[in-house]
Amino acid sequence: MAQILPPLKPIPIKDRLSVLYVEKGHLDVLDGAFVVVDKTGVRTHIPVGGVACLMLEPGTRVSHAACALAGRVGTLLVWIGEAGVRLYSAGQPGGARADRLLYQAKLALDPDLRLMVVRSMYAMRFGEAPPQRRSVEQLRGIEGARVREMYKRIATKYGVEWKARNYDTKAWDAGDLPNRCLSAATSCLYGVTEAAVLAAGYAPAVGFIHTGKPLSFV
């Protein structure tokens, strides 16, 4: 029997909606497209392949057909916490494309290119060019010192008693209130950032300023 419809091909990332959040519904496939069915039975269609990343919040169920369709059209499925503050799992990053991963690896493995990226990230974070003739390790140390000073300055501005950045991941209650608040906010930011890195087709573990950890790039 002749095929009626042409085979599905991934839509270029630049032509897609970047991210769509799905909450409290059943993600399935109907008439060859994604459909979200809520508890009342109302169906909301999502253009097949028209979204780069579907963020699946708590209360969302996903059918096998939806996972298979996402793989074919290059839509990343990411299982997240409420409002994206946690990332639990992800499908195939980058829509099965390797070009961005290879580019990221090339930049990370070449010492000169890596330093160039680190300097660009420094300038983006602090709004000024980094000092000349500094290694990655030296820039990492300078960045850490500036961030610690930033904590002090912001604490003074808002009247918060600040001693130092000090926390123990295994003893949450041992930290003071400012450190616990900062740790909670950082954890939320990590979840959102990791989802963005995966949706863009890059690897969270391949970092530039930091290396050797699962979230070095985050």
Foldseek 3Di string as FASTA:
>chain_A
DDDPDDFAEADDPVQAAEEDEDEQFEWEDDPRFTWTQHPVRDIDTDGQNRYLEYEYEPNYHYDPRRLVSCLRHNHKYWYAYVVQQGTDDIDQFPSPDCPVAVVLVVQLVDQVSLQVVLQVVLCVVPVDGDDPPDHLQRSLVVVVVVVFVVVVVVCVVVVHDDDGQDDDPVCLVVDDDVNNVVVSVVSRVLRNVCSSCRSNRYQLQRPRSDHDDRRRND
